[in-house]
């Protein structure tokens, strides 16, 4: 016959077992190709990724146009007359096109930084 302490321990183990929540049942596997595709789209948030990619492409094009058509003509006032900023050379190095790409990258990175900062502030995920 078990001792009183062993009976209490057995009773406590049974209470603990009853109070421990059961693990959730695994979700049922989708049936059919269309259902699997819907699960894939929702699980990996493919639509949101596609929208973000498309917006990123057009944001890059917009910033490139801003740099090429508005900022670089202003900077061309610093260069000697008749010289294009994109073909500007320092010694044997053509740095104008690189400076154009670098300026475009910096502006795109800053705009993305601002978007992330605002989305965190308003808890938009």
PDB file of N, CA and C in Angstrom:
ATOM      1  N   UNK A   1       0.844  -1.177   0.000  1.00  0.00           N
ATOM      2  CA  UNK A   1       0.000   0.000   0.000  1.00  0.00           C
ATOM      3  C   UNK A   1       0.892   1.243   0.000  1.00  0.00           C
ATOM      4  N   UNK A   2       0.609   2.190  -0.931  1.00  0.00           N
ATOM      5  CA  UNK A   2       1.445   3.391  -1.017  1.00  0.00           C
ATOM      6  C   UNK A   2       1.266   4.265   0.224  1.00  0.00           C
ATOM      7  N   UNK A   3       2.334   4.974   0.535  1.00  0.00           N
ATOM      8  CA  UNK A   3       2.281   5.864   1.695  1.00  0.00           C
ATOM      9  C   UNK A   3       1.444   7.094   1.350  1.00  0.00           C
ATOM     10  N   UNK A   4       1.163   7.903   2.346  1.00  0.00           N
ATOM     11  CA  UNK A   4       0.337   9.104   2.174  1.00  0.00           C
ATOM     12  C   UNK A   4       1.043  10.099   1.262  1.00  0.00           C
ATOM     13  N   UNK A   5       2.359  10.227   1.436  1.00  0.00           N
ATOM     14  CA  UNK A   5       3.115  11.148   0.587  1.00  0.00           C
ATOM     15  C   UNK A   5       3.049  10.719  -0.879  1.00  0.00           C
ATOM     16  N   UNK A   6       3.164   9.441  -1.134  1.00  0.00           N
ATOM     17  CA  UNK A   6       3.094   8.943  -2.506  1.00  0.00           C
ATOM     18  C   UNK A   6       1.705   9.150  -3.096  1.00  0.00           C
ATOM     19  N   UNK A   7       0.668   8.997  -2.277  1.00  0.00           N
ATOM     20  CA  UNK A   7      -0.701   9.237  -2.750  1.00  0.00           C
ATOM     21  C   UNK A   7      -0.888  10.716  -3.088  1.00  0.00           C
ATOM     22  N   UNK A   8      -0.354  11.593  -2.246  1.00  0.00           N
ATOM     23  CA  UNK A   8      -0.464  13.038  -2.515  1.00  0.00           C
ATOM     24  C   UNK A   8       0.279  13.386  -3.801  1.00  0.00           C
ATOM     25  N   UNK A   9       1.500  12.858  -3.963  1.00  0.00           N
ATOM     26  CA  UNK A   9       2.264  13.118  -5.186  1.00  0.00           C
ATOM     27  C   UNK A   9       1.532  12.599  -6.422  1.00  0.00           C
ATOM     28  N   UNK A  10       0.950  11.424  -6.321  1.00  0.00           N
ATOM     29  CA  UNK A  10       0.199  10.868  -7.451  1.00  0.00           C
ATOM     30  C   UNK A  10      -1.002  11.751  -7.777  1.00  0.00           C
ATOM     31  N   UNK A  11      -1.692  12.220  -6.732  1.00  0.00           N
ATOM     32  CA  UNK A  11      -2.852  13.099  -6.944  1.00  0.00           C
ATOM     33  C   UNK A  11      -2.415  14.426  -7.568  1.00  0.00           C
ATOM     34  N   UNK A  12      -1.284  14.994  -7.104  1.00  0.00           N
ATOM     35  CA  UNK A  12      -0.779  16.254  -7.678  1.00  0.00           C
ATOM     36  C   UNK A  12      -0.367  16.069  -9.138  1.00  0.00           C
ATOM     37  N   UNK A  13       0.245  14.948  -9.461  1.00  0.00           N
ATOM     38  CA  UNK A  13       0.616  14.677 -10.861  1.00  0.00           C
ATOM     39  C   UNK A  13      -0.633  14.592 -11.739  1.00  0.00           C
ATOM     40  N   UNK A  14      -1.683  13.972 -11.209  1.00  0.00           N
ATOM     41  CA  UNK A  14      -2.936  13.858 -11.967  1.00  0.00           C
ATOM     42  C   UNK A  14      -3.561  15.240 -12.171  1.00  0.00           C
ATOM     43  N   UNK A  15      -3.525  16.080 -11.147  1.00  0.00           N
ATOM     44  CA  UNK A  15      -4.063  17.443 -11.264  1.00  0.00           C
ATOM     45  C   UNK A  15      -3.248  18.222 -12.299  1.00  0.00           C
ATOM     46  N   UNK A  16      -1.928  18.097 -12.224  1.00  0.00           N
ATOM     47  CA  UNK A  16      -1.072  18.788 -13.187  1.00  0.00           C
ATOM     48  C   UNK A  16      -1.372  18.325 -14.608  1.00  0.00           C
ATOM     49  N   UNK A  17      -1.553  17.037 -14.808  1.00  0.00           N
ATOM     50  CA  UNK A  17      -1.861  16.502 -16.129  1.00  0.00           C
ATOM     51  C   UNK A  17      -3.185  17.047 -16.646  1.00  0.00           C
ATOM     52  N   UNK A  18      -4.170  17.154 -15.744  1.00  0.00           N
ATOM     53  CA  UNK A  18      -5.484  17.654 -16.162  1.00  0.00           C
ATOM     54  C   UNK A  18      -5.455  19.152 -16.455  1.00  0.00           C
ATOM     55  N   UNK A  19      -4.607  19.897 -15.751  1.00  0.00           N
ATOM     56  CA  UNK A  19      -4.545  21.342 -15.958  1.00  0.00           C
ATOM     57  C   UNK A  19      -3.650  21.748 -17.135  1.00  0.00           C
ATOM     58  N   UNK A  20      -2.769  20.882 -17.559  1.00  0.00           N
ATOM     59  CA  UNK A  20      -1.890  21.192 -18.685  1.00  0.00           C
ATOM     60  C   UNK A  20      -2.710  21.126 -19.969  1.00  0.00           C
ATOM     61  N   UNK A  21      -2.712  22.255 -20.738  1.00  0.00           N
ATOM     62  CA  UNK A  21      -3.510  22.235 -21.970  1.00  0.00           C
ATOM     63  C   UNK A  21      -2.920  21.264 -22.989  1.00  0.00           C
ATOM     64  N   UNK A  22      -3.801  20.657 -23.714  1.00  0.00           N
ATOM     65  CA  UNK A  22      -3.380  19.716 -24.756  1.00  0.00           C
ATOM     66  C   UNK A  22      -2.830  20.513 -25.930  1.00  0.00           C
ATOM     67  N   UNK A  23      -1.834  20.007 -26.621  1.00  0.00           N
ATOM     68  CA  UNK A  23      -1.324  20.723 -27.789  1.00  0.00           C
ATOM     69  C   UNK A  23      -2.406  20.806 -28.860  1.00  0.00           C
ATOM     70  N   UNK A  24      -2.416  21.924 -29.592  1.00  0.00           N
ATOM     71  CA  UNK A  24      -3.454  22.063 -30.616  1.00  0.00           C
ATOM     72  C   UNK A  24      -3.280  21.010 -31.705  1.00  0.00           C
ATOM     73  N   UNK A  25      -4.398  20.619 -32.241  1.00  0.00           N
ATOM     74  CA  UNK A  25      -4.371  19.633 -33.318  1.00  0.00           C
ATOM     75  C   UNK A  25      -3.747  20.269 -34.555  1.00  0.00           C
ATOM     76  N   UNK A  26      -2.948  19.537 -35.295  1.00  0.00           N
ATOM     77  CA  UNK A  26      -2.359  20.112 -36.508  1.00  0.00           C
ATOM     78  C   UNK A  26      -3.464  20.443 -37.504  1.00  0.00           C
ATOM     79  N   UNK A  27      -3.284  21.544 -38.251  1.00  0.00           N
ATOM     80  CA  UNK A  27      -4.324  21.897 -39.220  1.00  0.00           C
ATOM     81  C   UNK A  27      -4.451  20.819 -40.288  1.00  0.00           C
ATOM     82  N   UNK A  28      -5.660  20.660 -40.736  1.00  0.00           N
ATOM     83  CA  UNK A  28      -5.914  19.649 -41.765  1.00  0.00           C
ATOM     84  C   UNK A  28      -5.219  20.063 -43.056  1.00  0.00           C
ATOM     85  N   UNK A  29      -4.649  19.118 -43.724  1.00  0.00           N
ATOM     86  CA  UNK A  29      -3.977  19.399 -44.986  1.00  0.00           C
ATOM     87  C   UNK A  29      -5.018  19.810 -46.022  1.00  0.00           C
ATOM     88  N   UNK A  30      -4.705  20.863 -46.804  1.00  0.00           N
ATOM     89  CA  UNK A  30      -5.673  21.291 -47.819  1.00  0.00           C
ATOM     90  C   UNK A  30      -5.845  20.211 -48.884  1.00  0.00           C
ATOM     91  N   UNK A  31      -7.045  20.125 -49.379  1.00  0.00           N
ATOM     92  CA  UNK A  31      -7.359  19.137 -50.407  1.00  0.00           C
ATOM     93  C   UNK A  31      -7.477  19.853 -51.751  1.00  0.00           C
ATOM     94  N   UNK A  32      -6.738  19.380 -52.697  1.00  0.00           N
ATOM     95  CA  UNK A  32      -6.821  19.929 -54.038  1.00  0.00           C
ATOM     96  C   UNK A  32      -5.775  21.010 -54.279  1.00  0.00           C
ATOM     97  N   UNK A  33      -5.436  21.178 -55.526  1.00  0.00           N
ATOM     98  CA  UNK A  33      -4.406  22.115 -55.932  1.00  0.00           C
ATOM     99  C   UNK A  33      -4.796  23.556 -55.632  1.00  0.00           C
ATOM    100  N   UNK A  34      -6.033  23.919 -55.872  1.00  0.00           N
ATOM    101  CA  UNK A  34      -6.466  25.294 -55.651  1.00  0.00           C
ATOM    102  C   UNK A  34      -6.429  25.643 -54.168  1.00  0.00           C
ATOM    103  N   UNK A  35      -6.862  24.727 -53.314  1.00  0.00           N
ATOM    104  CA  UNK A  35      -6.813  24.978 -51.870  1.00  0.00           C
ATOM    105  C   UNK A  35      -5.372  25.098 -51.383  1.00  0.00           C
ATOM    106  N   UNK A  36      -4.486  24.243 -51.897  1.00  0.00           N
ATOM    107  CA  UNK A  36      -3.075  24.333 -51.531  1.00  0.00           C
ATOM    108  C   UNK A  36      -2.495  25.675 -51.958  1.00  0.00           C
ATOM    109  N   UNK A  37      -2.889  26.144 -53.138  1.00  0.00           N
ATOM    110  CA  UNK A  37      -2.405  27.433 -53.628  1.00  0.00           C
ATOM    111  C   UNK A  37      -2.895  28.572 -52.748  1.00  0.00           C
ATOM    112  N   UNK A  38      -4.152  28.524 -52.314  1.00  0.00           N
ATOM    113  CA  UNK A  38      -4.688  29.557 -51.422  1.00  0.00           C
ATOM    114  C   UNK A  38      -3.931  29.578 -50.098  1.00  0.00           C
ATOM    115  N   UNK A  39      -3.650  28.405 -49.556  1.00  0.00           N
ATOM    116  CA  UNK A  39      -2.889  28.319 -48.307  1.00  0.00           C
ATOM    117  C   UNK A  39      -1.487  28.885 -48.509  1.00  0.00           C
ATOM    118  N   UNK A  40      -0.872  28.552 -49.637  1.00  0.00           N
ATOM    119  CA  UNK A  40       0.458  29.072 -49.948  1.00  0.00           C
ATOM    120  C   UNK A  40       0.443  30.596 -49.999  1.00  0.00           C
ATOM    121  N   UNK A  41      -0.533  31.166 -50.684  1.00  0.00           N
ATOM    122  CA  UNK A  41      -0.614  32.624 -50.798  1.00  0.00           C
ATOM    123  C   UNK A  41      -0.802  33.291 -49.439  1.00  0.00           C
ATOM    124  N   UNK A  42      -1.652  32.717 -48.602  1.00  0.00           N
ATOM    125  CA  UNK A  42      -1.907  33.353 -47.313  1.00  0.00           C
ATOM    126  C   UNK A  42      -0.775  33.099 -46.323  1.00  0.00           C
ATOM    127  N   UNK A  43      -0.187  31.921 -46.349  1.00  0.00           N
ATOM    128  CA  UNK A  43       0.857  31.591 -45.383  1.00  0.00           C
ATOM    129  C   UNK A  43       2.125  32.401 -45.637  1.00  0.00           C
ATOM    130  N   UNK A  44       2.518  32.563 -46.858  1.00  0.00           N
ATOM    131  CA  UNK A  44       3.752  33.263 -47.170  1.00  0.00           C
ATOM    132  C   UNK A  44       3.531  34.722 -47.560  1.00  0.00           C
ATOM    133  N   UNK A  45       2.308  35.198 -47.478  1.00  0.00           N
ATOM    134  CA  UNK A  45       1.966  36.594 -47.775  1.00  0.00           C
ATOM    135  C   UNK A  45       2.564  37.026 -49.122  1.00  0.00           C
ATOM    136  N   UNK A  46       2.341  36.203 -50.119  1.00  0.00           N
ATOM    137  CA  UNK A  46       2.917  36.414 -51.435  1.00  0.00           C
ATOM    138  C   UNK A  46       2.351  37.677 -52.079  1.00  0.00           C
ATOM    139  N   UNK A  47       1.090  37.942 -51.866  1.00  0.00           N
ATOM    140  CA  UNK A  47       0.481  39.117 -52.485  1.00  0.00           C
ATOM    141  C   UNK A  47       1.131  40.392 -51.958  1.00  0.00           C
ATOM    142  N   UNK A  48       1.333  40.463 -50.645  1.00  0.00           N
ATOM    143  CA  UNK A  48       1.985  41.638 -50.070  1.00  0.00           C
ATOM    144  C   UNK A  48       3.404  41.797 -50.569  1.00  0.00           C
ATOM    145  N   UNK A  49       4.106  40.675 -50.721  1.00  0.00           N
ATOM    146  CA  UNK A  49       5.466  40.718 -51.236  1.00  0.00           C
ATOM    147  C   UNK A  49       5.484  41.213 -52.677  1.00  0.00           C
ATOM    148  N   UNK A  50       4.546  40.758 -53.477  1.00  0.00           N
ATOM    149  CA  UNK A  50       4.478  41.190 -54.876  1.00  0.00           C
ATOM    150  C   UNK A  50       4.184  42.685 -54.970  1.00  0.00           C
ATOM    151  N   UNK A  51       3.256  43.154 -54.157  1.00  0.00           N
ATOM    152  CA  UNK A  51       2.928  44.590 -54.157  1.00  0.00           C
ATOM    153  C   UNK A  51       4.144  45.400 -53.738  1.00  0.00           C
ATOM    154  N   UNK A  52       4.839  44.969 -52.685  1.00  0.00           N
ATOM    155  CA  UNK A  52       6.025  45.688 -52.225  1.00  0.00           C
ATOM    156  C   UNK A  52       7.115  45.706 -53.296  1.00  0.00           C
ATOM    157  N   UNK A  53       7.291  44.599 -53.994  1.00  0.00           N
ATOM    158  CA  UNK A  53       8.295  44.545 -55.053  1.00  0.00           C
ATOM    159  C   UNK A  53       7.963  45.511 -56.184  1.00  0.00           C
ATOM    160  N   UNK A  54       6.708  45.504 -56.610  1.00  0.00           N
ATOM    161  CA  UNK A  54       6.303  46.384 -57.713  1.00  0.00           C
ATOM    162  C   UNK A  54       6.440  47.848 -57.304  1.00  0.00           C
ATOM    163  N   UNK A  55       6.000  48.174 -56.092  1.00  0.00           N
ATOM    164  CA  UNK A  55       6.148  49.549 -55.622  1.00  0.00           C
ATOM    165  C   UNK A  55       7.618  49.936 -55.510  1.00  0.00           C
ATOM    166  N   UNK A  56       8.458  49.010 -55.084  1.00  0.00           N
ATOM    167  CA  UNK A  56       9.891  49.286 -54.993  1.00  0.00           C
ATOM    168  C   UNK A  56      10.513  49.572 -56.346  1.00  0.00           C
ATOM    169  N   UNK A  57      10.103  48.818 -57.348  1.00  0.00           N
ATOM    170  CA  UNK A  57      10.630  49.044 -58.696  1.00  0.00           C
ATOM    171  C   UNK A  57      10.257  50.438 -59.179  1.00  0.00           C
ATOM    172  N   UNK A  58       8.999  50.817 -58.989  1.00  0.00           N
ATOM    173  CA  UNK A  58       8.567  52.128 -59.470  1.00  0.00           C
ATOM    174  C   UNK A  58       9.082  53.260 -58.596  1.00  0.00           C
ATOM    175  N   UNK A  59       9.297  53.002 -57.325  1.00  0.00           N
ATOM    176  CA  UNK A  59       9.917  54.020 -56.473  1.00  0.00           C
ATOM    177  C   UNK A  59      11.339  54.277 -56.944  1.00  0.00           C
ATOM    178  N   UNK A  60      12.062  53.203 -57.279  1.00  0.00           N
ATOM    179  CA  UNK A  60      13.418  53.366 -57.799  1.00  0.00           C
ATOM    180  C   UNK A  60      13.429  54.157 -59.101  1.00  0.00           C
ATOM    181  N   UNK A  61      12.489  53.876 -59.983  1.00  0.00           N
ATOM    182  CA  UNK A  61      12.414  54.605 -61.253  1.00  0.00           C
ATOM    183  C   UNK A  61      12.078  56.083 -61.012  1.00  0.00           C
ATOM    184  N   UNK A  62      11.188  56.334 -60.062  1.00  0.00           N
ATOM    185  CA  UNK A  62      10.815  57.717 -59.745  1.00  0.00           C
ATOM    186  C   UNK A  62      12.008  58.485 -59.181  1.00  0.00           C
ATOM    187  N   UNK A  63      12.733  57.882 -58.268  1.00  0.00           N
ATOM    188  CA  UNK A  63      13.892  58.557 -57.680  1.00  0.00           C
ATOM    189  C   UNK A  63      14.980  58.749 -58.718  1.00  0.00           C
ATOM    190  N   UNK A  64      15.163  57.763 -59.599  1.00  0.00           N
ATOM    191  CA  UNK A  64      16.165  57.917 -60.658  1.00  0.00           C
ATOM    192  C   UNK A  64      15.813  59.100 -61.559  1.00  0.00           C
ATOM    193  N   UNK A  65      14.540  59.244 -61.890  1.00  0.00           N
ATOM    194  CA  UNK A  65      14.110  60.389 -62.695  1.00  0.00           C
ATOM    195  C   UNK A  65      14.322  61.696 -61.927  1.00  0.00           C
ATOM    196  N   UNK A  66      14.046  61.684 -60.626  1.00  0.00           N
ATOM    197  CA  UNK A  66      14.258  62.878 -59.802  1.00  0.00           C
ATOM    198  C   UNK A  66      15.729  63.282 -59.833  1.00  0.00           C
ATOM    199  N   UNK A  67      16.613  62.320 -59.654  1.00  0.00           N
ATOM    200  CA  UNK A  67      18.045  62.623 -59.640  1.00  0.00           C
ATOM    201  C   UNK A  67      18.511  63.077 -61.017  1.00  0.00           C
ATOM    202  N   UNK A  68      18.138  62.336 -62.057  1.00  0.00           N
ATOM    203  CA  UNK A  68      18.616  62.635 -63.404  1.00  0.00           C
ATOM    204  C   UNK A  68      18.058  63.945 -63.948  1.00  0.00           C
ATOM    205  N   UNK A  69      16.766  64.193 -63.710  1.00  0.00           N
ATOM    206  CA  UNK A  69      16.107  65.333 -64.354  1.00  0.00           C
ATOM    207  C   UNK A  69      16.062  66.595 -63.498  1.00  0.00           C
ATOM    208  N   UNK A  70      16.206  66.478 -62.184  1.00  0.00           N
ATOM    209  CA  UNK A  70      16.108  67.672 -61.343  1.00  0.00           C
ATOM    210  C   UNK A  70      17.384  67.981 -60.565  1.00  0.00           C
ATOM    211  N   UNK A  71      17.967  66.988 -59.924  1.00  0.00           N
ATOM    212  CA  UNK A  71      19.113  67.266 -59.057  1.00  0.00           C
ATOM    213  C   UNK A  71      20.396  67.446 -59.868  1.00  0.00           C
ATOM    214  N   UNK A  72      20.654  66.545 -60.829  1.00  0.00           N
ATOM    215  CA  UNK A  72      21.889  66.652 -61.605  1.00  0.00           C
ATOM    216  C   UNK A  72      21.973  67.931 -62.439  1.00  0.00           C
ATOM    217  N   UNK A  73      20.888  68.429 -63.042  1.00  0.00           N
ATOM    218  CA  UNK A  73      21.012  69.719 -63.736  1.00  0.00           C
ATOM    219  C   UNK A  73      21.401  70.860 -62.792  1.00  0.00           C
ATOM    220  N   UNK A  74      20.966  70.786 -61.542  1.00  0.00           N
ATOM    221  CA  UNK A  74      21.374  71.812 -60.579  1.00  0.00           C
ATOM    222  C   UNK A  74      22.868  71.687 -60.289  1.00  0.00           C
ATOM    223  N   UNK A  75      23.341  70.444 -60.147  1.00  0.00           N
ATOM    224  CA  UNK A  75      24.763  70.228 -59.889  1.00  0.00           C
ATOM    225  C   UNK A  75      25.625  70.574 -61.098  1.00  0.00           C
ATOM    226  N   UNK A  76      25.046  70.574 -62.289  1.00  0.00           N
ATOM    227  CA  UNK A  76      25.838  70.881 -63.487  1.00  0.00           C
ATOM    228  C   UNK A  76      26.267  72.345 -63.525  1.00  0.00           C
ATOM    229  N   UNK A  77      25.653  73.192 -62.700  1.00  0.00           N
ATOM    230  CA  UNK A  77      26.082  74.590 -62.641  1.00  0.00           C
ATOM    231  C   UNK A  77      27.493  74.698 -62.046  1.00  0.00           C
ATOM    232  N   UNK A  78      27.910  73.700 -61.270  1.00  0.00           N
ATOM    233  CA  UNK A  78      29.227  73.700 -60.656  1.00  0.00           C
ATOM    234  C   UNK A  78      30.291  73.298 -61.674  1.00  0.00           C
ATOM    235  N   UNK A  79      29.907  72.493 -62.670  1.00  0.00           N
ATOM    236  CA  UNK A  79      30.845  72.000 -63.674  1.00  0.00           C
ATOM    237  C   UNK A  79      31.151  73.081 -64.705  1.00  0.00           C
ATOM    238  N   UNK A  80      32.245  72.910 -65.431  1.00  0.00           N
ATOM    239  CA  UNK A  80      32.531  73.853 -66.521  1.00  0.00           C
ATOM    240  C   UNK A  80      31.426  73.813 -67.570  1.00  0.00           C
ATOM    241  N   UNK A  81      31.197  74.917 -68.272  1.00  0.00           N
ATOM    242  CA  UNK A  81      30.115  74.950 -69.265  1.00  0.00           C
ATOM    243  C   UNK A  81      30.316  73.902 -70.365  1.00  0.00           C
ATOM    244  N   UNK A  82      29.207  73.287 -70.766  1.00  0.00           N
ATOM    245  CA  UNK A  82      29.221  72.306 -71.838  1.00  0.00           C
ATOM    246  C   UNK A  82      29.566  70.895 -71.400  1.00  0.00           C
ATOM    247  N   UNK A  83      29.807  70.666 -70.116  1.00  0.00           N
ATOM    248  CA  UNK A  83      30.146  69.321 -69.646  1.00  0.00           C
ATOM    249  C   UNK A  83      28.924  68.707 -68.956  1.00  0.00           C
ATOM    250  N   UNK A  84      28.633  67.471 -69.330  1.00  0.00           N
ATOM    251  CA  UNK A  84      27.508  66.735 -68.753  1.00  0.00           C
ATOM    252  C   UNK A  84      27.971  66.057 -67.466  1.00  0.00           C
ATOM    253  N   UNK A  85      27.120  66.058 -66.442  1.00  0.00           N
ATOM    254  CA  UNK A  85      27.499  65.470 -65.162  1.00  0.00           C
ATOM    255  C   UNK A  85      27.709  63.967 -65.275  1.00  0.00           C
ATOM    256  N   UNK A  86      26.912  63.287 -66.092  1.00  0.00           N
ATOM    257  CA  UNK A  86      27.041  61.831 -66.229  1.00  0.00           C
ATOM    258  C   UNK A  86      28.346  61.426 -66.899  1.00  0.00           C
ATOM    259  N   UNK A  87      28.937  62.294 -67.683  1.00  0.00           N
ATOM    260  CA  UNK A  87      30.199  61.974 -68.350  1.00  0.00           C
ATOM    261  C   UNK A  87      31.382  62.651 -67.677  1.00  0.00           C
ATOM    262  N   UNK A  88      31.197  63.175 -66.482  1.00  0.00           N
ATOM    263  CA  UNK A  88      32.265  63.866 -65.764  1.00  0.00           C
ATOM    264  C   UNK A  88      33.373  62.888 -65.418  1.00  0.00           C
ATOM    265  N   UNK A  89      34.614  63.316 -65.638  1.00  0.00           N
ATOM    266  CA  UNK A  89      35.765  62.456 -65.389  1.00  0.00           C
ATOM    267  C   UNK A  89      36.726  63.148 -64.435  1.00  0.00           C
ATOM    268  N   UNK A  90      37.337  62.326 -63.578  1.00  0.00           N
ATOM    269  CA  UNK A  90      38.418  62.803 -62.716  1.00  0.00           C
ATOM    270  C   UNK A  90      39.622  61.950 -63.072  1.00  0.00           C
ATOM    271  N   UNK A  91      40.541  62.541 -63.811  1.00  0.00           N
ATOM    272  CA  UNK A  91      41.675  61.771 -64.317  1.00  0.00           C
ATOM    273  C   UNK A  91      41.156  60.702 -65.259  1.00  0.00           C
ATOM    274  N   UNK A  92      41.588  59.455 -65.103  1.00  0.00           N
ATOM    275  CA  UNK A  92      41.112  58.399 -66.005  1.00  0.00           C
ATOM    276  C   UNK A  92      39.772  57.798 -65.578  1.00  0.00           C
ATOM    277  N   UNK A  93      39.217  58.277 -64.471  1.00  0.00           N
ATOM    278  CA  UNK A  93      37.991  57.686 -63.916  1.00  0.00           C
ATOM    279  C   UNK A  93      36.764  58.494 -64.309  1.00  0.00           C
ATOM    280  N   UNK A  94      35.751  57.781 -64.809  1.00  0.00           N
ATOM    281  CA  UNK A  94      34.473  58.423 -65.114  1.00  0.00           C
ATOM    282  C   UNK A  94      33.586  58.284 -63.871  1.00  0.00           C
ATOM    283  N   UNK A  95      33.462  59.332 -63.110  1.00  0.00           N
ATOM    284  CA  UNK A  95      32.767  59.268 -61.822  1.00  0.00           C
ATOM    285  C   UNK A  95      31.350  59.810 -61.893  1.00  0.00           C
ATOM    286  N   UNK A  96      30.986  60.454 -62.976  1.00  0.00           N
ATOM    287  CA  UNK A  96      29.665  61.073 -63.065  1.00  0.00           C
ATOM    288  C   UNK A  96      28.532  60.065 -62.986  1.00  0.00           C
ATOM    289  N   UNK A  97      28.625  58.996 -63.747  1.00  0.00           N
ATOM    290  CA  UNK A  97      27.572  57.980 -63.748  1.00  0.00           C
ATOM    291  C   UNK A  97      27.504  57.275 -62.396  1.00  0.00           C
ATOM    292  N   UNK A  98      28.668  57.029 -61.794  1.00  0.00           N
ATOM    293  CA  UNK A  98      28.697  56.406 -60.465  1.00  0.00           C
ATOM    294  C   UNK A  98      28.050  57.336 -59.433  1.00  0.00           C
ATOM    295  N   UNK A  99      28.356  58.628 -59.504  1.00  0.00           N
ATOM    296  CA  UNK A  99      27.765  59.587 -58.568  1.00  0.00           C
ATOM    297  C   UNK A  99      26.245  59.638 -58.737  1.00  0.00           C
ATOM    298  N   UNK A 100      25.789  59.533 -59.967  1.00  0.00           N
ATOM    299  CA  UNK A 100      24.351  59.493 -60.246  1.00  0.00           C
ATOM    300  C   UNK A 100      23.716  58.282 -59.571  1.00  0.00           C
ATOM    301  N   UNK A 101      24.317  57.100 -59.755  1.00  0.00           N
ATOM    302  CA  UNK A 101      23.782  55.878 -59.145  1.00  0.00           C
ATOM    303  C   UNK A 101      23.853  55.939 -57.625  1.00  0.00           C
ATOM    304  N   UNK A 102      24.940  56.485 -57.081  1.00  0.00           N
ATOM    305  CA  UNK A 102      25.092  56.599 -55.631  1.00  0.00           C
ATOM    306  C   UNK A 102      24.051  57.533 -55.039  1.00  0.00           C
ATOM    307  N   UNK A 103      23.824  58.656 -55.674  1.00  0.00           N
ATOM    308  CA  UNK A 103      22.819  59.600 -55.188  1.00  0.00           C
ATOM    309  C   UNK A 103      21.423  58.985 -55.249  1.00  0.00           C
ATOM    310  N   UNK A 104      21.128  58.263 -56.314  1.00  0.00           N
ATOM    311  CA  UNK A 104      19.846  57.574 -56.427  1.00  0.00           C
ATOM    312  C   UNK A 104      19.679  56.554 -55.299  1.00  0.00           C
ATOM    313  N   UNK A 105      20.716  55.775 -55.031  1.00  0.00           N
ATOM    314  CA  UNK A 105      20.657  54.777 -53.955  1.00  0.00           C
ATOM    315  C   UNK A 105      20.429  55.433 -52.602  1.00  0.00           C
ATOM    316  N   UNK A 106      21.140  56.507 -52.322  1.00  0.00           N
ATOM    317  CA  UNK A 106      21.002  57.175 -51.021  1.00  0.00           C
ATOM    318  C   UNK A 106      19.581  57.692 -50.833  1.00  0.00           C
ATOM    319  N   UNK A 107      18.999  58.263 -51.868  1.00  0.00           N
ATOM    320  CA  UNK A 107      17.634  58.791 -51.746  1.00  0.00           C
ATOM    321  C   UNK A 107      16.638  57.647 -51.563  1.00  0.00           C
ATOM    322  N   UNK A 108      16.778  56.558 -52.327  1.00  0.00           N
ATOM    323  CA  UNK A 108      15.869  55.407 -52.180  1.00  0.00           C
ATOM    324  C   UNK A 108      15.996  54.814 -50.777  1.00  0.00           C
ATOM    325  N   UNK A 109      17.225  54.654 -50.294  1.00  0.00           N
ATOM    326  CA  UNK A 109      17.431  54.101 -48.951  1.00  0.00           C
ATOM    327  C   UNK A 109      16.805  55.003 -47.891  1.00  0.00           C
ATOM    328  N   UNK A 110      16.923  56.314 -48.047  1.00  0.00           N
ATOM    329  CA  UNK A 110      16.340  57.243 -47.076  1.00  0.00           C
ATOM    330  C   UNK A 110      14.814  57.180 -47.102  1.00  0.00           C
ATOM    331  N   UNK A 111      14.236  57.094 -48.290  1.00  0.00           N
ATOM    332  CA  UNK A 111      12.770  56.997 -48.389  1.00  0.00           C
ATOM    333  C   UNK A 111      12.277  55.704 -47.748  1.00  0.00           C
ATOM    334  N   UNK A 112      12.972  54.594 -47.980  1.00  0.00           N
ATOM    335  CA  UNK A 112      12.584  53.323 -47.361  1.00  0.00           C
ATOM    336  C   UNK A 112      12.730  53.409 -45.852  1.00  0.00           C
ATOM    337  N   UNK A 113      13.806  54.052 -45.372  1.00  0.00           N
ATOM    338  CA  UNK A 113      13.985  54.257 -43.941  1.00  0.00           C
ATOM    339  C   UNK A 113      12.798  55.023 -43.355  1.00  0.00           C
ATOM    340  N   UNK A 114      12.363  56.073 -44.034  1.00  0.00           N
ATOM    341  CA  UNK A 114      11.216  56.857 -43.537  1.00  0.00           C
ATOM    342  C   UNK A 114       9.938  56.030 -43.534  1.00  0.00           C
ATOM    343  N   UNK A 115       9.723  55.223 -44.551  1.00  0.00           N
ATOM    344  CA  UNK A 115       8.532  54.378 -44.609  1.00  0.00           C
ATOM    345  C   UNK A 115       8.528  53.386 -43.456  1.00  0.00           C
ATOM    346  N   UNK A 116       9.660  52.750 -43.189  1.00  0.00           N
ATOM    347  CA  UNK A 116       9.749  51.791 -42.085  1.00  0.00           C
ATOM    348  C   UNK A 116       9.534  52.486 -40.751  1.00  0.00           C
ATOM    349  N   UNK A 117      10.117  53.672 -40.593  1.00  0.00           N
ATOM    350  CA  UNK A 117       9.972  54.424 -39.341  1.00  0.00           C
ATOM    351  C   UNK A 117       8.512  54.802 -39.088  1.00  0.00           C
ATOM    352  N   UNK A 118       7.829  55.263 -40.107  1.00  0.00           N
ATOM    353  CA  UNK A 118       6.414  55.629 -39.952  1.00  0.00           C
ATOM    354  C   UNK A 118       5.566  54.396 -39.692  1.00  0.00           C
ATOM    355  N   UNK A 119       5.858  53.297 -40.390  1.00  0.00           N
ATOM    356  CA  UNK A 119       5.060  52.082 -40.173  1.00  0.00           C
ATOM    357  C   UNK A 119       5.263  51.534 -38.773  1.00  0.00           C
ATOM    358  N   UNK A 120       6.443  51.655 -38.215  1.00  0.00           N
ATOM    359  CA  UNK A 120       6.666  51.211 -36.830  1.00  0.00           C
ATOM    360  C   UNK A 120       5.948  52.117 -35.851  1.00  0.00           C
ATOM    361  N   UNK A 121       5.957  53.413 -36.128  1.00  0.00           N
ATOM    362  CA  UNK A 121       5.295  54.360 -35.227  1.00  0.00           C
ATOM    363  C   UNK A 121       3.793  54.090 -35.142  1.00  0.00           C
ATOM    364  N   UNK A 122       3.170  53.807 -36.286  1.00  0.00           N
ATOM    365  CA  UNK A 122       1.733  53.546 -36.315  1.00  0.00           C
ATOM    366  C   UNK A 122       1.406  52.071 -36.248  1.00  0.00           C
ATOM    367  N   UNK A 123       2.426  51.250 -35.971  1.00  0.00           N
ATOM    368  CA  UNK A 123       2.258  49.795 -35.798  1.00  0.00           C
ATOM    369  C   UNK A 123       1.575  49.146 -37.009  1.00  0.00           C
ATOM    370  N   UNK A 124       2.049  49.537 -38.182  1.00  0.00           N
ATOM    371  CA  UNK A 124       1.571  48.940 -39.427  1.00  0.00           C
ATOM    372  C   UNK A 124       2.566  47.866 -39.813  1.00  0.00           C
ATOM    373  N   UNK A 125       2.121  46.654 -39.908  1.00  0.00           N
ATOM    374  CA  UNK A 125       3.033  45.557 -40.244  1.00  0.00           C
ATOM    375  C   UNK A 125       2.674  45.002 -41.590  1.00  0.00           C
TER     376      UNK A 125
END
